[in-house]
Amino acid sequence: MAKLVFGVGVNDANYTVQIRETVCGTGNKRKRVLVWVCPYYARWAGVLQRCLCEKFKKKLPCYEDVRVCEEWLTFSNFKAWMETQDWEGKYLDKDILSSGSRIYSPDTCAFVTPRVNSIVADSRRDGERSRLLLGVGRAKKKFTARVTNFEGERQFLGVFNSPEEAHRAWQKHKVGVLMDVASTCDDNRIAERLSVSRTFSWSPTQRLICAQSRYICIRSR
């Protein structure tokens, strides 16, 4: 029986999913290096790492209570689903289709372009690093706001007196960016989730962004 992946995942592939070769390293020391990995296996193992690896969760606390559905604990099930998706050159996302989702499953996941992935994840790293609201950073006794724009570049929005002011500036610009990105999506489900109406009502994804902001705020207290 094959060794379980992260102690739980069952790799039932009937073919080799990884190829390693022996090469000469520094001082002619021989070592084994990974030269190829099955793309289906790589995505599956990545999901299991986020959900089951304690070392990974300590490094990225936002995955603290994230889990994977029972069906996807078996590699062949995940592979069968992924083969039906437009996945090449894209990232696996669990947040957009199901706002606030903490589970990887066929119903909550979709593959998104690098641009969508970058913009939806915008400023999460800033909030986690500084323990502030999303999009907010520190500038001595004041606060800055930055947003990832449509081109994928980090845009400086200004300096503010409070984290709430900075976060509101980030939210305002985020709405416009989400609308622009939604218009480029081939997947109508993703486009619908990212879109906002002309009255600027919040979409489920934008409410998720606000929920994440509150989550980071609570954890910082």
N, C-alpha and C. Protein backbone atom coordinates (compact mmCIF):
# COMPACT_ATOMS: atom_id res chain seq x y z
N MET A 1 0.85 -1.21 0.00
CA MET A 1 0.00 0.00 0.00
C MET A 1 0.88 1.25 0.00
N ALA A 2 0.53 2.22 -0.85
CA ALA A 2 1.32 3.44 -0.94
C ALA A 2 1.22 4.23 0.35
N LYS A 3 2.29 4.99 0.64
CA LYS A 3 2.31 5.82 1.83
C LYS A 3 1.26 6.91 1.70
N LEU A 4 0.54 7.15 2.80
CA LEU A 4 -0.49 8.19 2.79
C LEU A 4 0.15 9.57 2.68
N VAL A 5 -0.51 10.46 1.96
CA VAL A 5 -0.02 11.83 1.79
C VAL A 5 -0.55 12.67 2.93
N PHE A 6 0.38 13.28 3.69
CA PHE A 6 0.04 14.03 4.90
C PHE A 6 -0.79 13.19 5.87
N GLY A 7 -0.51 11.89 5.86
CA GLY A 7 -1.11 10.98 6.83
C GLY A 7 -2.55 10.60 6.55
N VAL A 8 -3.17 11.20 5.52
CA VAL A 8 -4.59 10.94 5.25
C VAL A 8 -4.88 10.69 3.78
N GLY A 9 -4.29 11.48 2.90
CA GLY A 9 -4.58 11.39 1.48
C GLY A 9 -4.16 10.08 0.85
N VAL A 10 -5.02 9.52 0.00
CA VAL A 10 -4.75 8.24 -0.66
C VAL A 10 -4.35 8.48 -2.11
N ASN A 11 -3.10 8.21 -2.44
CA ASN A 11 -2.63 8.33 -3.82
C ASN A 11 -2.86 6.99 -4.51
N ASP A 12 -3.97 6.87 -5.21
CA ASP A 12 -4.31 5.63 -5.89
C ASP A 12 -4.01 5.66 -7.38
N ALA A 13 -3.09 6.55 -7.80
CA ALA A 13 -2.72 6.65 -9.22
C ALA A 13 -2.09 5.34 -9.69
N ASN A 14 -2.41 4.95 -10.91
CA ASN A 14 -1.82 3.72 -11.48
C ASN A 14 -0.62 4.06 -12.36
N TYR A 15 -0.01 5.20 -12.11
CA TYR A 15 1.18 5.63 -12.84
C TYR A 15 2.07 6.44 -11.90
N THR A 16 3.30 6.68 -12.33
CA THR A 16 4.24 7.45 -11.52
C THR A 16 3.87 8.92 -11.54
N VAL A 17 3.67 9.52 -10.38
CA VAL A 17 3.23 10.91 -10.32
C VAL A 17 4.40 11.88 -10.14
N GLN A 18 5.56 11.36 -9.76
CA GLN A 18 6.75 12.20 -9.61
C GLN A 18 7.97 11.46 -10.14
N ILE A 19 8.86 12.19 -10.78
CA ILE A 19 10.10 11.60 -11.27
C ILE A 19 11.28 12.36 -10.67
N ARG A 20 12.17 11.64 -10.05
CA ARG A 20 13.37 12.22 -9.47
C ARG A 20 14.60 11.63 -10.17
N GLU A 21 15.63 12.43 -10.29
CA GLU A 21 16.88 11.99 -10.89
C GLU A 21 18.05 12.31 -9.97
N THR A 22 19.09 11.53 -10.07
CA THR A 22 20.29 11.76 -9.27
C THR A 22 21.24 12.66 -10.05
N VAL A 23 21.65 13.76 -9.43
CA VAL A 23 22.56 14.70 -10.08
C VAL A 23 23.73 14.99 -9.15
N CYS A 24 24.78 15.55 -9.73
CA CYS A 24 25.95 15.93 -8.94
C CYS A 24 25.80 17.38 -8.48
N GLY A 25 25.93 17.57 -7.19
CA GLY A 25 25.82 18.91 -6.65
C GLY A 25 27.16 19.49 -6.28
N THR A 26 27.18 20.40 -5.31
CA THR A 26 28.42 21.03 -4.86
C THR A 26 29.38 19.99 -4.31
N GLY A 27 30.63 20.08 -4.73
CA GLY A 27 31.64 19.13 -4.26
C GLY A 27 31.41 17.74 -4.77
N ASN A 28 30.75 17.63 -5.93
CA ASN A 28 30.46 16.34 -6.55
C ASN A 28 29.58 15.43 -5.69
N LYS A 29 28.88 16.04 -4.74
CA LYS A 29 27.97 15.25 -3.93
C LYS A 29 26.72 14.94 -4.74
N ARG A 30 26.32 13.69 -4.74
CA ARG A 30 25.17 13.26 -5.51
C ARG A 30 23.89 13.45 -4.68
N LYS A 31 22.86 13.93 -5.34
CA LYS A 31 21.59 14.13 -4.64
C LYS A 31 20.42 13.89 -5.59
N ARG A 32 19.28 13.58 -5.03
CA ARG A 32 18.08 13.32 -5.80
C ARG A 32 17.27 14.62 -5.92
N VAL A 33 16.87 14.96 -7.14
CA VAL A 33 16.09 16.17 -7.36
C VAL A 33 14.83 15.82 -8.13
N LEU A 34 13.78 16.59 -7.87
CA LEU A 34 12.52 16.39 -8.57
C LEU A 34 12.58 17.06 -9.94
N VAL A 35 12.35 16.29 -11.00
CA VAL A 35 12.45 16.84 -12.35
C VAL A 35 11.08 16.91 -13.04
N TRP A 36 10.10 16.20 -12.52
CA TRP A 36 8.76 16.27 -13.10
C TRP A 36 7.74 15.82 -12.07
N VAL A 37 6.59 16.47 -12.10
CA VAL A 37 5.48 16.06 -11.23
C VAL A 37 4.19 16.17 -12.03
N CYS A 38 3.33 15.22 -11.89
CA CYS A 38 2.04 15.23 -12.58
C CYS A 38 1.27 16.47 -12.15
N PRO A 39 0.76 17.27 -13.08
CA PRO A 39 0.05 18.50 -12.69
C PRO A 39 -1.19 18.25 -11.85
N TYR A 40 -1.85 17.12 -12.07
CA TYR A 40 -3.03 16.79 -11.26
C TYR A 40 -2.61 16.47 -9.82
N TYR A 41 -1.52 15.71 -9.72
CA TYR A 41 -1.02 15.35 -8.40
C TYR A 41 -0.51 16.59 -7.66
N ALA A 42 0.17 17.47 -8.38
CA ALA A 42 0.72 18.68 -7.76
C ALA A 42 -0.39 19.52 -7.15
N ARG A 43 -1.50 19.70 -7.87
CA ARG A 43 -2.62 20.49 -7.34
C ARG A 43 -3.26 19.78 -6.16
N TRP A 44 -3.42 18.47 -6.27
CA TRP A 44 -4.03 17.70 -5.18
C TRP A 44 -3.18 17.78 -3.91
N ALA A 45 -1.88 17.56 -4.07
CA ALA A 45 -0.98 17.61 -2.91
C ALA A 45 -0.96 19.00 -2.30
N GLY A 46 -1.10 20.03 -3.14
CA GLY A 46 -1.15 21.40 -2.63
C GLY A 46 -2.37 21.64 -1.76
N VAL A 47 -3.51 21.09 -2.17
CA VAL A 47 -4.73 21.21 -1.38
C VAL A 47 -4.56 20.52 -0.03
N LEU A 48 -4.01 19.31 -0.05
CA LEU A 48 -3.81 18.57 1.19
C LEU A 48 -2.84 19.29 2.12
N GLN A 49 -1.82 19.91 1.53
CA GLN A 49 -0.86 20.65 2.35
C GLN A 49 -1.55 21.79 3.10
N ARG A 50 -2.39 22.55 2.39
CA ARG A 50 -3.09 23.66 3.02
C ARG A 50 -4.03 23.21 4.13
N CYS A 51 -4.59 22.02 3.96
CA CYS A 51 -5.61 21.55 4.90
C CYS A 51 -5.08 20.67 6.02
N LEU A 52 -3.96 20.00 5.78
CA LEU A 52 -3.53 18.96 6.72
C LEU A 52 -2.13 19.15 7.30
N CYS A 53 -1.33 20.02 6.71
CA CYS A 53 0.05 20.20 7.18
C CYS A 53 0.13 21.27 8.27
N GLU A 54 0.44 20.85 9.48
CA GLU A 54 0.49 21.77 10.62
C GLU A 54 1.59 22.82 10.45
N LYS A 55 2.70 22.43 9.87
CA LYS A 55 3.80 23.36 9.65
C LYS A 55 3.36 24.47 8.71
N PHE A 56 2.62 24.10 7.67
CA PHE A 56 2.11 25.08 6.71
C PHE A 56 1.12 26.03 7.38
N LYS A 57 0.25 25.49 8.22
CA LYS A 57 -0.78 26.29 8.89
C LYS A 57 -0.15 27.28 9.88
N LYS A 58 0.94 26.89 10.51
CA LYS A 58 1.62 27.80 11.43
C LYS A 58 2.24 28.96 10.67
N LYS A 59 2.72 28.68 9.46
CA LYS A 59 3.33 29.71 8.64
C LYS A 59 2.27 30.65 8.07
N LEU A 60 1.10 30.09 7.72
CA LEU A 60 0.00 30.87 7.16
C LEU A 60 -1.27 30.59 7.98
N PRO A 61 -1.47 31.34 9.08
CA PRO A 61 -2.60 31.11 9.98
C PRO A 61 -3.97 31.24 9.32
N CYS A 62 -4.04 31.90 8.16
CA CYS A 62 -5.34 32.06 7.49
C CYS A 62 -5.91 30.71 7.06
N TYR A 63 -5.06 29.66 7.05
CA TYR A 63 -5.53 28.32 6.70
C TYR A 63 -5.82 27.47 7.93
N GLU A 64 -5.88 28.11 9.07
CA GLU A 64 -5.99 27.42 10.35
C GLU A 64 -7.15 26.42 10.39
N ASP A 65 -8.34 26.83 9.95
CA ASP A 65 -9.50 25.95 10.01
C ASP A 65 -9.99 25.49 8.64
N VAL A 66 -9.12 25.56 7.64
CA VAL A 66 -9.48 25.12 6.30
C VAL A 66 -9.39 23.59 6.21
N ARG A 67 -10.34 22.98 5.52
CA ARG A 67 -10.35 21.53 5.40
C ARG A 67 -10.68 21.12 3.96
N VAL A 68 -10.54 19.83 3.69
CA VAL A 68 -10.83 19.29 2.37
C VAL A 68 -11.95 18.28 2.50
N CYS A 69 -12.82 18.21 1.49
CA CYS A 69 -13.94 17.28 1.55
C CYS A 69 -13.46 15.84 1.51
N GLU A 70 -14.26 14.95 2.03
CA GLU A 70 -13.91 13.52 2.11
C GLU A 70 -13.60 12.95 0.73
N GLU A 71 -14.36 13.36 -0.27
CA GLU A 71 -14.18 12.84 -1.63
C GLU A 71 -12.79 13.11 -2.16
N TRP A 72 -12.25 14.28 -1.86
CA TRP A 72 -10.95 14.67 -2.41
C TRP A 72 -9.77 14.13 -1.61
N LEU A 73 -10.03 13.36 -0.59
CA LEU A 73 -8.91 12.71 0.12
C LEU A 73 -8.33 11.59 -0.74
N THR A 74 -9.05 11.20 -1.78
CA THR A 74 -8.56 10.19 -2.73
C THR A 74 -8.16 10.89 -4.03
N PHE A 75 -6.92 10.67 -4.44
CA PHE A 75 -6.36 11.39 -5.59
C PHE A 75 -7.20 11.22 -6.86
N SER A 76 -7.64 10.00 -7.18
CA SER A 76 -8.37 9.77 -8.43
C SER A 76 -9.66 10.59 -8.50
N ASN A 77 -10.29 10.83 -7.37
CA ASN A 77 -11.51 11.64 -7.36
C ASN A 77 -11.21 13.10 -7.72
N PHE A 78 -10.13 13.62 -7.12
CA PHE A 78 -9.74 15.00 -7.43
C PHE A 78 -9.33 15.11 -8.90
N LYS A 79 -8.57 14.16 -9.38
CA LYS A 79 -8.10 14.17 -10.77
C LYS A 79 -9.28 14.14 -11.74
N ALA A 80 -10.29 13.30 -11.46
CA ALA A 80 -11.46 13.21 -12.33
C ALA A 80 -12.18 14.55 -12.42
N TRP A 81 -12.27 15.25 -11.29
CA TRP A 81 -12.90 16.58 -11.29
C TRP A 81 -12.05 17.57 -12.06
N MET A 82 -10.76 17.59 -11.80
CA MET A 82 -9.87 18.57 -12.44
C MET A 82 -9.84 18.40 -13.95
N GLU A 83 -9.98 17.17 -14.43
CA GLU A 83 -9.97 16.92 -15.88
C GLU A 83 -11.16 17.57 -16.59
N THR A 84 -12.19 17.90 -15.85
CA THR A 84 -13.38 18.53 -16.44
C THR A 84 -13.28 20.06 -16.40
N GLN A 85 -12.21 20.58 -15.80
CA GLN A 85 -12.05 22.02 -15.61
C GLN A 85 -11.07 22.62 -16.62
N ASP A 86 -11.22 23.93 -16.84
CA ASP A 86 -10.25 24.69 -17.63
C ASP A 86 -9.16 25.16 -16.67
N TRP A 87 -8.13 24.33 -16.49
CA TRP A 87 -7.19 24.55 -15.40
C TRP A 87 -5.79 25.02 -15.82
N GLU A 88 -5.41 24.80 -17.05
CA GLU A 88 -4.02 25.09 -17.44
C GLU A 88 -3.68 26.57 -17.29
N GLY A 89 -2.58 26.83 -16.60
CA GLY A 89 -2.13 28.19 -16.38
C GLY A 89 -2.95 28.95 -15.36
N LYS A 90 -3.79 28.23 -14.58
CA LYS A 90 -4.67 28.89 -13.62
C LYS A 90 -4.43 28.40 -12.20
N TYR A 91 -5.01 29.13 -11.24
CA TYR A 91 -4.89 28.81 -9.83
C TYR A 91 -6.20 28.24 -9.31
N LEU A 92 -6.10 27.32 -8.36
CA LEU A 92 -7.29 26.75 -7.73
C LEU A 92 -7.76 27.68 -6.61
N ASP A 93 -9.02 28.12 -6.69
CA ASP A 93 -9.58 29.05 -5.70
C ASP A 93 -10.79 28.42 -5.03
N LYS A 94 -10.91 28.60 -3.71
CA LYS A 94 -12.04 28.06 -2.96
C LYS A 94 -12.94 29.16 -2.40
N ASP A 95 -12.58 30.42 -2.58
CA ASP A 95 -13.28 31.52 -1.92
C ASP A 95 -14.34 32.23 -2.76
N ILE A 96 -14.13 32.28 -4.07
CA ILE A 96 -15.00 33.13 -4.89
C ILE A 96 -16.40 32.54 -5.06
N LEU A 97 -16.50 31.26 -5.41
CA LEU A 97 -17.82 30.68 -5.67
C LEU A 97 -18.66 30.54 -4.41
N SER A 98 -18.00 30.35 -3.29
CA SER A 98 -18.73 30.18 -2.03
C SER A 98 -18.12 31.11 -0.99
N SER A 99 -18.74 32.26 -0.80
CA SER A 99 -18.19 33.28 0.08
C SER A 99 -17.95 32.75 1.49
N GLY A 100 -16.74 32.98 1.99
CA GLY A 100 -16.41 32.54 3.33
C GLY A 100 -16.14 31.06 3.45
N SER A 101 -15.99 30.37 2.32
CA SER A 101 -15.79 28.93 2.35
C SER A 101 -14.49 28.57 3.05
N ARG A 102 -14.55 27.55 3.88
CA ARG A 102 -13.36 27.04 4.55
C ARG A 102 -13.07 25.61 4.13
N ILE A 103 -13.65 25.20 2.98
CA ILE A 103 -13.48 23.82 2.54
C ILE A 103 -13.17 23.76 1.04
N TYR A 104 -12.26 22.88 0.69
CA TYR A 104 -11.97 22.59 -0.71
C TYR A 104 -12.87 21.44 -1.14
N SER A 105 -13.69 21.68 -2.16
CA SER A 105 -14.64 20.68 -2.63
C SER A 105 -15.04 21.02 -4.06
N PRO A 106 -15.68 20.08 -4.79
CA PRO A 106 -16.13 20.37 -6.15
C PRO A 106 -17.12 21.53 -6.22
N ASP A 107 -17.89 21.73 -5.17
CA ASP A 107 -18.91 22.78 -5.17
C ASP A 107 -18.36 24.17 -4.85
N THR A 108 -17.22 24.22 -4.17
CA THR A 108 -16.69 25.51 -3.74
C THR A 108 -15.46 25.97 -4.51
N CYS A 109 -14.91 25.10 -5.36
CA CYS A 109 -13.64 25.43 -6.03
C CYS A 109 -13.80 25.71 -7.52
N ALA A 110 -12.92 26.53 -8.03
CA ALA A 110 -12.85 26.84 -9.45
C ALA A 110 -11.42 27.27 -9.77
N PHE A 111 -11.04 27.13 -11.02
CA PHE A 111 -9.72 27.60 -11.45
C PHE A 111 -9.86 29.01 -12.01
N VAL A 112 -8.98 29.89 -11.55
CA VAL A 112 -9.04 31.30 -11.97
C VAL A 112 -7.69 31.72 -12.54
N THR A 113 -7.71 32.76 -13.34
CA THR A 113 -6.49 33.26 -13.96
C THR A 113 -5.58 33.88 -12.90
N PRO A 114 -4.29 33.99 -13.21
CA PRO A 114 -3.37 34.65 -12.27
C PRO A 114 -3.83 36.05 -11.89
N ARG A 115 -4.41 36.79 -12.85
CA ARG A 115 -4.87 38.15 -12.57
C ARG A 115 -5.99 38.13 -11.52
N VAL A 116 -6.98 37.26 -11.71
CA VAL A 116 -8.08 37.18 -10.74
C VAL A 116 -7.56 36.75 -9.39
N ASN A 117 -6.69 35.76 -9.38
CA ASN A 117 -6.14 35.26 -8.12
C ASN A 117 -5.40 36.35 -7.37
N SER A 118 -4.60 37.12 -8.09
CA SER A 118 -3.80 38.18 -7.47
C SER A 118 -4.69 39.26 -6.89
N ILE A 119 -5.72 39.65 -7.63
CA ILE A 119 -6.56 40.76 -7.19
C ILE A 119 -7.49 40.36 -6.05
N VAL A 120 -8.02 39.14 -6.08
CA VAL A 120 -8.88 38.69 -4.99
C VAL A 120 -8.08 38.55 -3.70
N ALA A 121 -6.83 38.11 -3.83
CA ALA A 121 -5.98 37.93 -2.65
C ALA A 121 -5.29 39.23 -2.25
N ASP A 122 -5.59 40.31 -2.95
CA ASP A 122 -4.95 41.61 -2.74
C ASP A 122 -4.87 42.02 -1.29
N SER A 123 -3.68 42.36 -0.87
CA SER A 123 -3.42 42.96 0.45
C SER A 123 -3.63 42.03 1.63
N ARG A 124 -4.02 40.76 1.37
CA ARG A 124 -4.18 39.83 2.50
C ARG A 124 -2.87 39.69 3.26
N ARG A 125 -1.77 39.64 2.49
CA ARG A 125 -0.46 39.49 3.14
C ARG A 125 -0.13 40.71 3.99
N ASP A 126 -0.54 41.90 3.54
CA ASP A 126 -0.28 43.11 4.31
C ASP A 126 -1.03 43.07 5.63
N GLY A 127 -2.30 42.69 5.58
CA GLY A 127 -3.11 42.63 6.79
C GLY A 127 -2.57 41.63 7.79
N GLU A 128 -2.13 40.47 7.28
CA GLU A 128 -1.62 39.45 8.18
C GLU A 128 -0.28 39.84 8.78
N ARG A 129 0.54 40.54 8.00
CA ARG A 129 1.86 40.92 8.49
C ARG A 129 1.75 42.01 9.55
N SER A 130 0.89 43.00 9.28
CA SER A 130 0.80 44.13 10.19
C SER A 130 -0.31 43.97 11.23
N ARG A 131 -1.13 42.91 11.08
CA ARG A 131 -2.27 42.66 11.96
C ARG A 131 -3.29 43.79 11.89
N LEU A 132 -3.41 44.39 10.70
CA LEU A 132 -4.37 45.48 10.49
C LEU A 132 -5.43 45.04 9.48
N LEU A 133 -6.32 45.98 9.12
CA LEU A 133 -7.33 45.70 8.11
C LEU A 133 -6.68 45.47 6.76
N LEU A 134 -7.41 44.79 5.86
CA LEU A 134 -6.87 44.50 4.55
C LEU A 134 -6.52 45.78 3.79
N GLY A 135 -5.38 45.74 3.11
CA GLY A 135 -4.93 46.88 2.33
C GLY A 135 -4.23 47.95 3.12
N VAL A 136 -4.09 47.75 4.43
CA VAL A 136 -3.57 48.79 5.31
C VAL A 136 -2.17 48.44 5.80
N GLY A 137 -1.30 49.42 5.80
CA GLY A 137 0.04 49.26 6.33
C GLY A 137 0.36 50.39 7.30
N ARG A 138 1.46 50.29 8.00
CA ARG A 138 1.85 51.32 8.97
C ARG A 138 2.85 52.29 8.35
N ALA A 139 2.76 53.54 8.76
CA ALA A 139 3.71 54.57 8.35
C ALA A 139 3.97 55.43 9.58
N LYS A 140 4.86 54.95 10.44
CA LYS A 140 5.12 55.58 11.73
C LYS A 140 3.81 55.66 12.53
N LYS A 141 3.29 56.86 12.80
CA LYS A 141 2.07 56.98 13.59
C LYS A 141 0.82 57.06 12.72
N LYS A 142 1.00 56.93 11.42
CA LYS A 142 -0.15 56.97 10.50
C LYS A 142 -0.26 55.65 9.75
N PHE A 143 -1.18 55.62 8.76
CA PHE A 143 -1.47 54.36 8.08
C PHE A 143 -1.55 54.59 6.57
N THR A 144 -1.08 53.62 5.82
CA THR A 144 -1.09 53.70 4.36
C THR A 144 -2.10 52.70 3.79
N ALA A 145 -2.50 52.95 2.56
CA ALA A 145 -3.38 52.02 1.85
C ALA A 145 -2.79 51.73 0.48
N ARG A 146 -2.82 50.45 0.11
CA ARG A 146 -2.36 50.03 -1.21
C ARG A 146 -3.33 49.00 -1.76
N VAL A 147 -3.48 49.01 -3.08
CA VAL A 147 -4.37 48.04 -3.73
C VAL A 147 -3.67 47.52 -4.97
N THR A 148 -3.94 46.25 -5.31
CA THR A 148 -3.43 45.71 -6.56
C THR A 148 -4.38 46.14 -7.67
N ASN A 149 -3.87 46.87 -8.66
CA ASN A 149 -4.74 47.40 -9.71
C ASN A 149 -4.98 46.38 -10.81
N PHE A 150 -5.70 46.78 -11.85
CA PHE A 150 -6.09 45.88 -12.93
C PHE A 150 -4.88 45.26 -13.62
N GLU A 151 -3.79 46.00 -13.68
CA GLU A 151 -2.56 45.51 -14.34
C GLU A 151 -1.77 44.58 -13.42
N GLY A 152 -2.23 44.39 -12.19
CA GLY A 152 -1.53 43.52 -11.26
C GLY A 152 -0.41 44.22 -10.51
N GLU A 153 -0.38 45.54 -10.60
CA GLU A 153 0.67 46.32 -9.93
C GLU A 153 0.13 46.86 -8.60
N ARG A 154 1.01 47.01 -7.64
CA ARG A 154 0.64 47.55 -6.34
C ARG A 154 0.54 49.07 -6.44
N GLN A 155 -0.64 49.61 -6.16
CA GLN A 155 -0.88 51.04 -6.29
C GLN A 155 -1.01 51.69 -4.91
N PHE A 156 -0.22 52.73 -4.68
CA PHE A 156 -0.25 53.46 -3.41
C PHE A 156 -1.43 54.42 -3.42
N LEU A 157 -2.27 54.37 -2.36
CA LEU A 157 -3.49 55.19 -2.31
C LEU A 157 -3.38 56.39 -1.38
N GLY A 158 -2.34 56.44 -0.55
CA GLY A 158 -2.18 57.58 0.32
C GLY A 158 -1.89 57.24 1.76
N VAL A 159 -1.74 58.29 2.57
CA VAL A 159 -1.48 58.16 4.00
C VAL A 159 -2.71 58.66 4.76
N PHE A 160 -3.13 57.94 5.81
CA PHE A 160 -4.37 58.26 6.53
C PHE A 160 -4.13 58.29 8.04
N ASN A 161 -5.05 58.95 8.74
CA ASN A 161 -4.90 59.10 10.18
C ASN A 161 -5.30 57.86 10.97
N SER A 162 -6.13 57.00 10.38
CA SER A 162 -6.58 55.81 11.09
C SER A 162 -6.61 54.62 10.14
N PRO A 163 -6.53 53.40 10.67
CA PRO A 163 -6.61 52.21 9.81
C PRO A 163 -7.96 52.10 9.12
N GLU A 164 -9.02 52.59 9.79
CA GLU A 164 -10.36 52.54 9.19
C GLU A 164 -10.44 53.42 7.93
N GLU A 165 -9.84 54.61 8.00
CA GLU A 165 -9.82 55.50 6.84
C GLU A 165 -9.06 54.86 5.69
N ALA A 166 -7.91 54.30 6.01
CA ALA A 166 -7.08 53.66 4.98
C ALA A 166 -7.82 52.48 4.36
N HIS A 167 -8.50 51.71 5.19
CA HIS A 167 -9.22 50.55 4.69
C HIS A 167 -10.40 50.96 3.80
N ARG A 168 -11.08 52.05 4.15
CA ARG A 168 -12.18 52.53 3.32
C ARG A 168 -11.68 52.96 1.94
N ALA A 169 -10.50 53.58 1.91
CA ALA A 169 -9.91 53.98 0.62
C ALA A 169 -9.61 52.74 -0.21
N TRP A 170 -9.09 51.71 0.46
CA TRP A 170 -8.79 50.45 -0.22
C TRP A 170 -10.07 49.82 -0.77
N GLN A 171 -11.14 49.81 0.05
CA GLN A 171 -12.41 49.23 -0.39
C GLN A 171 -12.95 49.94 -1.63
N LYS A 172 -12.90 51.27 -1.61
CA LYS A 172 -13.43 52.06 -2.72
C LYS A 172 -12.73 51.71 -4.03
N HIS A 173 -11.41 51.62 -3.98
CA HIS A 173 -10.66 51.28 -5.19
C HIS A 173 -10.84 49.81 -5.55
N LYS A 174 -11.01 48.97 -4.54
CA LYS A 174 -11.18 47.54 -4.78
C LYS A 174 -12.43 47.26 -5.61
N VAL A 175 -13.50 47.99 -5.32
CA VAL A 175 -14.75 47.82 -6.06
C VAL A 175 -14.52 48.02 -7.56
N GLY A 176 -13.83 49.11 -7.92
CA GLY A 176 -13.57 49.40 -9.32
C GLY A 176 -12.71 48.33 -9.98
N VAL A 177 -11.71 47.86 -9.25
CA VAL A 177 -10.83 46.82 -9.79
C VAL A 177 -11.60 45.53 -10.03
N LEU A 178 -12.44 45.15 -9.08
CA LEU A 178 -13.23 43.92 -9.21
C LEU A 178 -14.17 43.99 -10.42
N MET A 179 -14.77 45.16 -10.63
CA MET A 179 -15.67 45.34 -11.78
C MET A 179 -14.91 45.17 -13.09
N ASP A 180 -13.71 45.76 -13.16
CA ASP A 180 -12.90 45.65 -14.38
C ASP A 180 -12.48 44.21 -14.64
N VAL A 181 -12.06 43.52 -13.58
CA VAL A 181 -11.61 42.14 -13.73
C VAL A 181 -12.76 41.22 -14.11
N ALA A 182 -13.93 41.45 -13.54
CA ALA A 182 -15.11 40.63 -13.84
C ALA A 182 -15.43 40.65 -15.32
N SER A 183 -15.21 41.79 -15.96
CA SER A 183 -15.54 41.93 -17.39
C SER A 183 -14.62 41.10 -18.27
N THR A 184 -13.50 40.61 -17.72
CA THR A 184 -12.54 39.83 -18.52
C THR A 184 -12.67 38.33 -18.30
N CYS A 185 -13.53 37.90 -17.37
CA CYS A 185 -13.62 36.48 -17.00
C CYS A 185 -14.39 35.67 -18.03
N ASP A 186 -13.83 34.52 -18.40
CA ASP A 186 -14.53 33.60 -19.31
C ASP A 186 -15.56 32.77 -18.55
N ASP A 187 -15.31 32.51 -17.30
CA ASP A 187 -16.22 31.73 -16.47
C ASP A 187 -17.30 32.65 -15.92
N ASN A 188 -18.53 32.48 -16.38
CA ASN A 188 -19.62 33.36 -15.95
C ASN A 188 -19.88 33.31 -14.45
N ARG A 189 -19.60 32.15 -13.84
CA ARG A 189 -19.81 32.04 -12.40
C ARG A 189 -18.86 32.97 -11.65
N ILE A 190 -17.60 33.02 -12.10
CA ILE A 190 -16.61 33.88 -11.46
C ILE A 190 -16.95 35.34 -11.72
N ALA A 191 -17.33 35.66 -12.96
CA ALA A 191 -17.67 37.04 -13.31
C ALA A 191 -18.83 37.55 -12.47
N GLU A 192 -19.83 36.70 -12.29
CA GLU A 192 -21.00 37.11 -11.50
C GLU A 192 -20.63 37.39 -10.05
N ARG A 193 -19.76 36.56 -9.50
CA ARG A 193 -19.35 36.74 -8.11
C ARG A 193 -18.51 37.99 -7.90
N LEU A 194 -17.73 38.34 -8.90
CA LEU A 194 -16.85 39.50 -8.77
C LEU A 194 -17.55 40.82 -9.07
N SER A 195 -18.65 40.73 -9.81
CA SER A 195 -19.32 41.95 -10.27
C SER A 195 -20.07 42.65 -9.15
N VAL A 196 -20.22 43.96 -9.32
CA VAL A 196 -21.07 44.74 -8.45
C VAL A 196 -22.04 45.52 -9.31
N SER A 197 -23.17 45.92 -8.76
CA SER A 197 -24.15 46.68 -9.53
C SER A 197 -23.70 48.13 -9.63
N ARG A 198 -24.40 48.91 -10.44
CA ARG A 198 -24.06 50.32 -10.60
C ARG A 198 -24.40 51.13 -9.36
N THR A 199 -25.14 50.49 -8.43
CA THR A 199 -25.42 51.18 -7.16
C THR A 199 -24.36 50.83 -6.12
N PHE A 200 -23.35 50.06 -6.56
CA PHE A 200 -22.22 49.69 -5.70
C PHE A 200 -22.65 48.87 -4.49
N SER A 201 -23.66 48.02 -4.66
CA SER A 201 -23.99 47.08 -3.59
C SER A 201 -22.91 46.01 -3.57
N TRP A 202 -22.64 45.47 -2.38
CA TRP A 202 -21.55 44.51 -2.24
C TRP A 202 -21.95 43.15 -2.78
N SER A 203 -21.05 42.55 -3.56
CA SER A 203 -21.25 41.18 -4.03
C SER A 203 -20.85 40.25 -2.89
N PRO A 204 -21.18 38.94 -2.99
CA PRO A 204 -20.76 37.99 -1.94
C PRO A 204 -19.26 38.00 -1.71
N THR A 205 -18.47 38.13 -2.79
CA THR A 205 -17.02 38.13 -2.64
C THR A 205 -16.56 39.37 -1.88
N GLN A 206 -17.18 40.52 -2.16
CA GLN A 206 -16.78 41.73 -1.46
C GLN A 206 -17.17 41.66 0.02
N ARG A 207 -18.31 41.02 0.31
CA ARG A 207 -18.67 40.82 1.72
C ARG A 207 -17.67 39.91 2.39
N LEU A 208 -17.16 38.95 1.62
CA LEU A 208 -16.12 38.06 2.16
C LEU A 208 -14.87 38.87 2.50
N ILE A 209 -14.50 39.81 1.63
CA ILE A 209 -13.33 40.66 1.88
C ILE A 209 -13.51 41.40 3.19
N CYS A 210 -14.71 41.96 3.41
CA CYS A 210 -14.98 42.69 4.65
C CYS A 210 -14.92 41.74 5.84
N ALA A 211 -15.44 40.53 5.67
CA ALA A 211 -15.41 39.55 6.75
C ALA A 211 -13.98 39.19 7.10
N GLN A 212 -13.13 39.06 6.07
CA GLN A 212 -11.72 38.76 6.32
C GLN A 212 -11.07 39.91 7.07
N SER A 213 -11.47 41.13 6.74
CA SER A 213 -10.93 42.30 7.44
C SER A 213 -11.26 42.23 8.92
N ARG A 214 -12.52 41.92 9.23
CA ARG A 214 -12.93 41.83 10.64
C ARG A 214 -12.21 40.69 11.33
N TYR A 215 -11.99 39.59 10.59
CA TYR A 215 -11.31 38.43 11.16
C TYR A 215 -9.89 38.80 11.60
N ILE A 216 -9.19 39.53 10.72
CA ILE A 216 -7.82 39.93 11.04
C ILE A 216 -7.82 40.89 12.23
N CYS A 217 -8.81 41.79 12.25
CA CYS A 217 -8.92 42.74 13.35
C CYS A 217 -9.11 42.02 14.69
N ILE A 218 -10.01 41.04 14.68
CA ILE A 218 -10.29 40.29 15.91
C ILE A 218 -9.06 39.54 16.40
N ARG A 219 -8.35 38.92 15.42
CA ARG A 219 -7.14 38.15 15.80
C ARG A 219 -6.05 39.04 16.35
N SER A 220 -6.05 40.33 16.01
CA SER A 220 -4.98 41.22 16.46
C SER A 220 -5.22 41.76 17.86
N ARG A 221 -6.42 41.53 18.40
CA ARG A 221 -6.72 42.06 19.73
C ARG A 221 -6.16 41.19 20.83
